Amino acid sequence: MEYLKQCAFKKFGILDFCKQNSPDQFIDQLRGFIKIIYIRAGGRVSSDFNDIEVQQDGLLFVSAGQFLRLSENIQGSMIYYNQDLYGVQLHDQEIACDELLFSDFHKIPLVELNANSSAAILSIFDEIRREISQGDINLEEMVRVLLKQIIIRATRFGKHQRGINDLVRQQDSGFSRFFIQLVENNFSKHHDVASYANMLNISAKALNKRICKYRKCTPNEIIKKRIIMEAKRLLVYTHLSVKEIGYRLGYDDPSYFIRFFSKQVKIAPQNFRLHFQRVLNAVA
């Protein structure tokens, strides 16, 4: 905790936690930050509406906006930072480093680490701690460089685990990642594939072909999943009415939004909210 210092909740920081010291008290305040979490085997993490049990020491990559809960017995460390410090840039060089780690909005990427890779990552975490404790004038730039090292190493580990070595497939992966980012930035305004195809200067058919080549779902399904994920978050974690949530997501007709949500989730928005509120109250 001593590493928060003057950087706490501004641009970046690092939290260490063990069985007696969980950082859950800070998690809600850090939701707007990107987070890289080193977790020891046996820890459990909940993100939005998915649970992850870590079988082997690993790294979790949490995008800004994702809801996060850590189990009481979790051990590890968490680096958090905002887009101003190290934003994911949409150009080829950056995509090559970030495509496997921050390319999915409905699940958290987990990169498992062996003894050697774990030691390499922990050494970078230690270097970040030292930099923050020293508070040098070049602190931000050094932390930015060290974050880049973590992301590059984790991307290499992840590609090896997933078997992504073919150059063409990597390029398709990069395009897919670019599309995901477009959806992330525009899902509340644009709900149709044609709009995104226009942004990419290709036909809707060509977009569908390129995305389906790398992913198991179509562009239309990706757009719908992102809208539904945000709707679920707003239903469970805010007091906005169903009508207000529909407006926020770009639906002027509340009844259309209710039909859309009910069709995708198989339950009406209000019933979904009541169900998860009961679950959260039971856990609390």
Protein backbone atom coordinates (compact mmCIF):
# COMPACT_ATOMS: atom_id res chain seq x y z
CA MET A 1 0.00 0.00 0.00
CA GLU A 2 2.92 2.36 0.58
CA TYR A 3 3.50 2.57 -3.16
CA LEU A 4 0.34 4.61 -3.75
CA LYS A 5 1.91 7.85 -2.49
CA GLN A 6 1.12 10.93 -4.58
CA CYS A 7 0.15 8.86 -7.62
CA ALA A 8 -2.88 7.31 -5.94
CA PHE A 9 -5.97 7.43 -8.15
CA LYS A 10 -4.36 9.98 -10.50
CA LYS A 11 -2.42 8.24 -13.26
CA PHE A 12 -0.98 5.01 -11.88
CA GLY A 13 -0.10 3.03 -8.79
CA ILE A 14 0.56 -0.46 -7.48
CA LEU A 15 -1.23 -2.47 -4.78
CA ASP A 16 0.07 -5.60 -3.09
CA PHE A 17 -2.39 -7.96 -1.46
CA CYS A 18 -2.37 -11.17 0.52
CA LYS A 19 -4.84 -13.22 2.56
CA GLN A 20 -4.89 -10.58 5.29
CA ASN A 21 -4.91 -7.58 2.98
CA SER A 22 -7.39 -7.55 0.10
CA PRO A 23 -7.57 -4.43 -2.13
CA ASP A 24 -11.34 -4.76 -2.62
CA GLN A 25 -11.86 -1.55 -0.67
CA PHE A 26 -10.15 0.30 -3.56
CA ILE A 27 -11.55 -1.66 -6.50
CA ASP A 28 -14.64 0.49 -7.12
CA GLN A 29 -12.51 3.65 -7.04
CA LEU A 30 -10.17 2.10 -9.61
CA ARG A 31 -12.83 0.98 -12.09
CA GLY A 32 -11.88 3.73 -14.55
CA PHE A 33 -8.28 2.50 -14.65
CA ILE A 34 -6.69 -0.24 -16.74
CA LYS A 35 -5.34 -2.96 -14.45
CA ILE A 36 -2.65 -5.62 -14.78
CA ILE A 37 -2.96 -8.13 -11.95
CA TYR A 38 -0.42 -10.77 -10.96
CA ILE A 39 -2.28 -13.54 -9.14
CA ARG A 40 -0.94 -16.58 -7.34
CA ALA A 41 -2.50 -19.96 -8.07
CA GLY A 42 -5.70 -20.59 -6.13
CA GLY A 43 -7.08 -17.06 -6.33
CA ARG A 44 -10.55 -16.31 -7.67
CA VAL A 45 -11.68 -13.25 -9.59
CA SER A 46 -15.13 -12.08 -10.68
CA SER A 47 -15.40 -9.64 -13.56
CA ASP A 48 -18.81 -8.33 -14.54
CA PHE A 49 -20.73 -11.61 -14.73
CA ASN A 50 -17.88 -14.09 -15.20
CA ASP A 51 -15.86 -15.99 -12.59
CA ILE A 52 -12.22 -17.01 -13.03
CA GLU A 53 -10.39 -19.48 -10.80
CA VAL A 54 -6.64 -19.18 -11.29
CA GLN A 55 -5.14 -22.67 -11.44
CA GLN A 56 -1.61 -21.46 -12.11
CA ASP A 57 0.23 -18.21 -11.36
CA GLY A 58 -0.79 -15.75 -14.03
CA LEU A 59 -1.53 -12.25 -15.27
CA LEU A 60 -5.02 -10.81 -15.68
CA PHE A 61 -5.64 -7.81 -17.93
CA VAL A 62 -8.66 -5.73 -16.96
CA SER A 63 -9.90 -2.95 -19.20
CA ALA A 64 -11.24 0.32 -17.83
CA GLY A 65 -14.92 0.06 -16.97
CA GLN A 66 -14.97 -3.63 -16.15
CA PHE A 67 -16.36 -4.48 -12.71
CA LEU A 68 -13.97 -6.53 -10.62
CA ARG A 69 -14.13 -8.51 -7.37
CA LEU A 70 -11.27 -10.46 -5.78
CA SER A 71 -11.60 -13.44 -3.44
CA GLU A 72 -10.59 -13.00 0.19
CA ASN A 73 -7.71 -15.47 -0.05
CA ILE A 74 -6.14 -13.90 -3.12
CA GLN A 75 -2.41 -13.21 -3.18
CA GLY A 76 -0.57 -11.06 -5.69
CA SER A 77 -0.13 -7.49 -6.91
CA MET A 78 -2.04 -5.07 -9.12
CA ILE A 79 -0.72 -2.27 -11.29
CA TYR A 80 -3.33 0.29 -12.29
CA TYR A 81 -2.96 3.15 -14.74
CA ASN A 82 -5.09 5.42 -16.90
CA GLN A 83 -5.19 6.06 -20.61
CA ASP A 84 -3.13 9.25 -20.24
CA LEU A 85 -0.17 7.25 -18.96
CA TYR A 86 -0.35 4.41 -21.44
CA GLY A 87 -3.28 4.36 -23.85
CA VAL A 88 -3.84 1.59 -26.34
CA GLN A 89 -3.06 3.26 -29.66
CA LEU A 90 -4.75 2.04 -32.79
CA HIS A 91 -1.82 1.57 -35.11
CA ASP A 92 0.00 -1.55 -36.23
CA GLN A 93 2.93 -1.37 -33.84
CA GLU A 94 0.73 -1.04 -30.75
CA ILE A 95 -1.82 -3.59 -31.93
CA ALA A 96 0.98 -6.15 -32.22
CA CYS A 97 1.57 -5.78 -28.47
CA ASP A 98 -1.95 -5.35 -27.16
CA GLU A 99 -4.21 -7.41 -29.40
CA LEU A 100 -4.42 -10.49 -27.16
CA LEU A 101 -4.69 -8.63 -23.88
CA PHE A 102 -7.24 -5.86 -24.24
CA SER A 103 -9.29 -7.07 -27.20
CA ASP A 104 -12.36 -8.52 -25.51
CA PHE A 105 -14.94 -6.54 -23.57
CA HIS A 106 -16.88 -9.46 -22.05
CA LYS A 107 -14.06 -11.47 -20.50
CA ILE A 108 -10.69 -10.92 -18.85
CA PRO A 109 -7.65 -12.37 -20.63
CA LEU A 110 -5.61 -14.67 -18.37
CA VAL A 111 -2.01 -15.42 -19.29
CA GLU A 112 -0.60 -18.36 -17.33
CA LEU A 113 3.03 -18.14 -16.23
CA ASN A 114 5.64 -20.82 -15.65
CA ALA A 115 8.47 -20.36 -13.13
CA ASN A 116 10.73 -18.46 -15.54
CA SER A 117 8.06 -16.17 -16.99
CA SER A 118 6.67 -15.53 -13.51
CA ALA A 119 10.11 -14.44 -12.26
CA ALA A 120 10.54 -12.13 -15.26
CA ILE A 121 7.18 -10.44 -14.65
CA LEU A 122 7.73 -10.09 -10.90
CA SER A 123 11.09 -8.43 -11.51
CA ILE A 124 9.34 -5.74 -13.58
CA PHE A 125 6.72 -5.27 -10.85
CA ASP A 126 9.59 -4.78 -8.38
CA GLU A 127 11.20 -2.21 -10.67
CA ILE A 128 7.92 -0.28 -10.85
CA ARG A 129 7.77 -0.27 -7.04
CA ARG A 130 11.29 1.13 -6.86
CA GLU A 131 10.54 3.81 -9.42
CA ILE A 132 7.39 4.93 -7.61
CA SER A 133 9.15 4.99 -4.23
CA GLN A 134 11.97 7.16 -5.62
CA GLY A 135 9.65 9.66 -7.26
CA ASP A 136 12.21 10.75 -9.87
CA ILE A 137 11.36 13.50 -12.35
CA ASN A 138 11.26 10.89 -15.13
CA LEU A 139 8.96 8.59 -13.14
CA GLU A 140 6.07 8.56 -15.61
CA GLU A 141 8.24 7.77 -18.59
CA MET A 142 10.00 4.94 -16.75
CA VAL A 143 6.71 3.41 -15.61
CA ARG A 144 5.42 3.69 -19.19
CA VAL A 145 8.48 1.78 -20.46
CA LEU A 146 8.10 -0.91 -17.78
CA LEU A 147 4.38 -1.33 -18.54
CA LYS A 148 5.29 -1.83 -22.17
CA GLN A 149 7.74 -4.57 -21.16
CA ILE A 150 5.02 -6.40 -19.21
CA ILE A 151 2.59 -6.17 -22.10
CA ILE A 152 5.13 -7.34 -24.69
CA ARG A 153 6.22 -10.30 -22.56
CA ALA A 154 2.64 -11.26 -21.73
CA THR A 155 1.67 -11.02 -25.40
CA ARG A 156 4.50 -13.38 -26.31
CA PHE A 157 3.46 -15.82 -23.58
CA GLY A 158 -0.16 -15.59 -24.70
CA LYS A 159 0.65 -16.15 -28.38
CA HIS A 160 2.71 -19.19 -27.47
CA GLN A 161 -0.12 -20.60 -25.36
CA ARG A 162 -2.70 -19.98 -28.08
CA GLY A 163 -0.45 -21.04 -30.93
CA ILE A 164 -0.70 -17.74 -32.82
CA ASN A 165 2.49 -17.70 -34.87
CA ASP A 166 1.27 -17.39 -38.42
CA LEU A 167 1.81 -13.84 -39.73
CA VAL A 168 -1.46 -13.73 -41.68
CA ARG A 169 -3.41 -14.86 -38.64
CA GLN A 170 -1.69 -12.22 -36.52
CA GLN A 171 -2.74 -9.57 -39.05
CA ASP A 172 -6.34 -10.83 -38.97
CA SER A 173 -6.13 -10.73 -35.18
CA GLY A 174 -4.98 -7.11 -35.35
CA PHE A 175 -7.87 -6.16 -37.60
CA SER A 176 -10.27 -7.89 -35.25
CA ARG A 177 -8.81 -5.96 -32.36
CA PHE A 178 -9.22 -2.71 -34.29
CA PHE A 179 -12.88 -3.54 -34.92
CA ILE A 180 -13.43 -4.35 -31.23
CA GLN A 181 -12.03 -0.95 -30.30
CA LEU A 182 -14.35 0.77 -32.77
CA VAL A 183 -17.30 -1.01 -31.20
CA GLU A 184 -16.06 -0.05 -27.73
CA ASN A 185 -15.99 3.61 -28.73
CA ASN A 186 -19.27 3.68 -30.64
CA PHE A 187 -21.65 0.97 -29.39
CA SER A 188 -24.04 3.46 -27.77
CA LYS A 189 -24.38 5.40 -31.03
CA HIS A 190 -24.13 2.78 -33.78
CA HIS A 191 -25.89 -0.58 -33.58
CA ASP A 192 -25.54 -1.82 -37.16
CA VAL A 193 -22.67 -3.50 -39.03
CA ALA A 194 -22.93 -1.09 -41.98
CA SER A 195 -21.90 1.87 -39.82
CA TYR A 196 -18.69 0.15 -38.73
CA ALA A 197 -17.97 -1.04 -42.25
CA ASN A 198 -18.19 2.59 -43.39
CA MET A 199 -15.71 3.63 -40.68
CA LEU A 200 -13.31 0.98 -42.00
CA ASN A 201 -13.94 1.87 -45.66
CA ILE A 202 -14.95 -1.69 -46.57
CA SER A 203 -18.22 -3.40 -47.35
CA ALA A 204 -20.31 -5.05 -44.65
CA LYS A 205 -19.73 -8.37 -46.39
CA ALA A 206 -15.95 -7.92 -46.32
CA LEU A 207 -16.07 -6.94 -42.64
CA ASN A 208 -18.11 -10.01 -41.82
CA LYS A 209 -15.65 -12.25 -43.68
CA ARG A 210 -12.54 -10.86 -41.95
CA ILE A 211 -14.01 -10.97 -38.45
CA CYS A 212 -15.46 -14.47 -38.84
CA LYS A 213 -12.07 -15.70 -40.05
CA TYR A 214 -10.53 -15.01 -36.64
CA ARG A 215 -13.48 -15.04 -34.22
CA LYS A 216 -16.32 -17.45 -33.57
CA CYS A 217 -18.96 -14.73 -33.83
CA THR A 218 -20.06 -12.23 -36.45
CA PRO A 219 -19.63 -8.44 -36.29
CA ASN A 220 -23.34 -8.12 -35.58
CA GLU A 221 -23.05 -10.50 -32.62
CA ILE A 222 -20.04 -8.58 -31.26
CA ILE A 223 -21.98 -5.31 -31.40
CA LYS A 224 -24.99 -6.85 -29.66
CA LYS A 225 -22.83 -8.47 -26.96
CA ARG A 226 -21.19 -5.13 -26.15
CA ILE A 227 -24.55 -3.38 -25.85
CA ILE A 228 -25.92 -6.16 -23.65
CA MET A 229 -22.84 -6.12 -21.42
CA GLU A 230 -23.25 -2.40 -20.78
CA ALA A 231 -26.98 -2.84 -20.19
CA LYS A 232 -26.26 -5.53 -17.57
CA ARG A 233 -23.70 -3.32 -15.83
CA LEU A 234 -26.10 -0.39 -15.68
CA LEU A 235 -28.96 -2.58 -14.46
CA VAL A 236 -26.96 -4.17 -11.64
CA TYR A 237 -24.56 -1.42 -10.57
CA THR A 238 -26.65 1.75 -11.01
CA HIS A 239 -30.09 3.01 -10.04
CA LEU A 240 -30.98 4.17 -13.56
CA SER A 241 -34.42 3.15 -14.75
CA VAL A 242 -34.77 0.73 -17.64
CA LYS A 243 -35.98 3.63 -19.77
CA GLU A 244 -32.92 5.74 -18.86
CA ILE A 245 -30.59 2.84 -19.62
CA GLY A 246 -32.19 2.39 -23.03
CA TYR A 247 -31.68 6.09 -23.81
CA ARG A 248 -28.06 5.93 -22.66
CA LEU A 249 -27.45 3.02 -25.03
CA GLY A 250 -28.99 4.82 -28.00
CA TYR A 251 -32.55 3.44 -27.97
CA ASP A 252 -35.18 6.16 -28.20
CA ASP A 253 -38.00 3.63 -27.88
CA PRO A 254 -37.90 1.98 -24.41
CA SER A 255 -40.16 -0.87 -25.51
CA TYR A 256 -37.77 -1.73 -28.35
CA PHE A 257 -34.84 -1.80 -25.92
CA ILE A 258 -36.78 -4.08 -23.56
CA ARG A 259 -37.62 -6.47 -26.41
CA PHE A 260 -33.98 -6.45 -27.60
CA PHE A 261 -32.60 -7.17 -24.12
CA SER A 262 -35.20 -9.85 -23.39
CA LYS A 263 -34.47 -11.62 -26.67
CA GLN A 264 -30.71 -11.62 -26.13
CA VAL A 265 -30.66 -12.48 -22.40
CA LYS A 266 -33.87 -14.57 -22.22
CA ILE A 267 -35.11 -12.46 -19.31
CA ALA A 268 -36.64 -8.98 -19.04
CA PRO A 269 -34.32 -6.15 -17.89
CA GLN A 270 -36.16 -5.53 -14.61
CA ASN A 271 -36.18 -9.22 -13.74
CA PHE A 272 -32.47 -9.43 -14.53
CA ARG A 273 -31.84 -6.52 -12.16
CA LEU A 274 -33.86 -8.08 -9.35
CA HIS A 275 -32.13 -11.44 -9.75
CA PHE A 276 -28.60 -10.05 -9.50
CA GLN A 277 -29.48 -7.68 -6.69
CA ARG A 278 -30.63 -10.70 -4.67
CA VAL A 279 -27.39 -12.51 -5.54
CA LEU A 280 -25.21 -9.54 -4.51
CA ASN A 281 -27.15 -9.08 -1.27
CA ALA A 282 -26.75 -12.76 -0.46
CA VAL A 283 -22.98 -12.56 -0.99
CA ALA A 284 -22.73 -9.38 1.07
